[in-house]
Protein backbone atom coordinates (compact mmCIF):
# COMPACT_ATOMS: atom_id res chain seq x y z
CA MET A 1 -152.28 -19.78 182.81
CA VAL A 2 -151.98 -18.14 186.33
CA ASP A 3 -148.50 -16.70 185.77
CA GLU A 4 -149.82 -15.24 182.53
CA MET A 5 -152.79 -13.77 184.39
CA LYS A 6 -150.61 -11.87 186.72
CA LYS A 7 -148.54 -10.12 184.28
CA ARG A 8 -149.34 -6.47 183.75
CA SER A 9 -149.62 -6.97 180.09
CA LYS A 10 -151.49 -10.20 179.60
CA ASP A 11 -151.77 -12.10 176.55
CA LEU A 12 -155.34 -12.47 175.80
CA THR A 13 -155.25 -15.15 172.97
CA LEU A 14 -153.10 -17.49 175.13
CA ILE A 15 -155.20 -17.17 177.91
CA ARG A 16 -158.56 -17.99 175.66
CA GLN A 17 -156.65 -21.03 174.13
CA LYS A 18 -155.39 -22.30 177.45
CA MET A 19 -159.00 -21.63 178.93
CA GLU A 20 -160.67 -23.38 176.25
CA LEU A 21 -158.16 -26.41 176.26
CA THR A 22 -159.24 -26.92 180.09
CA PHE A 23 -162.80 -26.42 180.00
CA SER A 24 -163.73 -29.93 180.34
CA LEU A 25 -161.22 -30.12 183.68
CA ARG A 26 -162.71 -27.22 185.04
CA ARG A 27 -166.25 -28.39 184.49
CA LYS A 28 -165.38 -32.00 185.90
CA GLU A 29 -163.67 -30.36 189.08
CA ILE A 30 -166.64 -27.91 189.76
CA VAL A 31 -169.38 -30.86 189.46
CA ASP A 32 -167.37 -33.26 191.21
CA VAL A 33 -165.62 -31.22 193.89
CA GLU A 34 -167.82 -28.35 194.22
CA PRO A 35 -165.01 -26.15 195.77
CA MET A 36 -165.61 -22.55 197.27
CA VAL A 37 -165.59 -19.81 194.99
CA SER A 38 -162.38 -18.54 196.36
CA GLU A 39 -160.61 -21.85 195.59
CA ILE A 40 -162.28 -21.30 191.92
CA GLN A 41 -160.66 -17.67 191.97
CA GLU A 42 -157.32 -18.99 193.08
CA ARG A 43 -156.78 -22.07 190.46
CA TRP A 44 -158.70 -20.31 187.84
CA LEU A 45 -158.02 -16.73 188.10
CA ALA A 46 -159.00 -16.03 184.21
CA LEU A 47 -162.69 -16.90 185.04
CA PHE A 48 -163.02 -13.89 186.60
CA SER A 49 -161.15 -11.38 184.26
CA GLU A 50 -162.74 -9.32 181.60
CA GLY A 51 -160.44 -10.40 178.93
CA GLN A 52 -162.44 -8.58 175.88
CA ASN A 53 -161.21 -6.34 173.06
CA ILE A 54 -163.70 -3.36 172.96
CA ALA A 55 -163.70 -1.28 169.59
CA VAL A 56 -165.95 1.38 168.22
CA VAL A 57 -167.19 0.40 164.81
CA LEU A 58 -168.80 3.40 162.51
CA GLU A 59 -169.95 2.86 159.24
CA GLU A 60 -168.56 -0.98 159.06
CA LYS A 61 -164.98 0.24 160.05
CA ILE A 62 -163.28 -0.13 163.50
CA VAL A 63 -162.44 3.34 164.03
CA LEU A 64 -161.43 2.88 167.83
CA THR A 65 -159.77 -0.14 169.53
CA ASP A 66 -158.61 -1.55 172.98
CA LEU A 67 -161.14 0.63 174.77
CA ARG A 68 -161.22 0.08 178.58
CA ASP A 69 -164.73 -0.87 179.05
CA LEU A 70 -168.03 -0.57 177.68
CA PRO A 71 -169.41 2.74 178.82
CA THR A 72 -166.03 4.52 177.88
CA ALA A 73 -166.76 2.71 174.41
CA PHE A 74 -170.60 3.97 174.69
CA ALA A 75 -169.32 7.70 175.41
CA CYS A 76 -166.73 7.55 172.42
CA LEU A 77 -169.48 6.30 170.23
CA PHE A 78 -172.03 8.97 171.03
CA GLY A 79 -169.54 11.60 170.85
CA LEU A 80 -168.05 10.51 167.17
CA LEU A 81 -171.69 10.28 166.04
CA PHE A 82 -172.57 13.58 167.37
CA ALA A 83 -169.12 15.32 166.25
CA LEU A 84 -169.12 13.51 162.68
CA ASN A 85 -173.13 14.67 162.32
CA ILE A 86 -174.10 10.60 161.65
CA ASP A 87 -177.48 9.49 162.08
CA TYR A 88 -178.12 7.48 165.12
CA PRO A 89 -178.72 3.85 164.51
CA LYS A 90 -182.31 3.02 164.14
CA GLU A 91 -182.53 0.64 166.82
CA LEU A 92 -180.81 3.29 169.35
CA LYS A 93 -182.30 6.28 167.97
CA TYR A 94 -184.39 7.68 171.15
CA THR A 95 -181.56 6.42 173.27
CA PHE A 96 -179.04 8.54 171.91
CA GLU A 97 -181.73 11.35 171.50
CA VAL A 98 -182.53 11.17 175.43
CA LEU A 99 -178.67 11.59 175.98
CA GLU A 100 -178.25 14.43 173.71
CA THR A 101 -180.90 16.58 174.87
CA ILE A 102 -181.42 15.69 178.10
CA PHE A 103 -178.47 14.27 179.91
CA MET A 104 -176.09 16.37 177.80
CA GLU A 105 -178.19 19.09 176.82
CA LEU A 106 -176.70 19.66 173.50
CA SER A 107 -179.72 20.19 171.66
CA THR A 108 -183.25 21.53 172.29
CA ASN A 109 -185.03 20.04 169.21
CA CYS A 110 -186.24 16.66 170.31
CA THR A 111 -189.27 14.26 169.37
CA GLN A 112 -192.35 14.13 171.23
CA ARG A 113 -191.62 10.78 172.50
CA VAL A 114 -188.44 12.32 174.21
CA ARG A 115 -190.04 15.50 175.03
CA SER A 116 -192.64 13.44 176.86
CA LEU A 117 -190.09 11.65 179.04
CA LYS A 118 -188.42 14.92 179.93
CA THR A 119 -191.59 16.10 180.95
CA LYS A 120 -192.02 13.10 183.66
CA LEU A 121 -188.52 13.28 184.53
CA LEU A 122 -189.05 16.91 185.82
CA LEU A 123 -192.01 16.07 187.86
């Protein structure tokens, strides 16, 4: 597993499988031996990696995959929603509206709630 983690192109599925197999061993070692974090980092390097596949899903379809990190995925999602004129998700409507009107200055039309925030930020 250590060799796999050192590779530039890691097999995340293999690493995940090996991590699942060694969970009880790692847990026992941490509880019984109480090693230093640096020792854990050397022995179980995969614990400190971000082995995730971040994707953007629009209208129940995966449109972008293998994005580097969450901020990049969020920026891509925002750009796609804005460019394709898709309504923002109900739960995140105001978040996207604040980004659109206050930070990106792409629009001047905004709800009273966002206008109030904008006024407070300008003070």
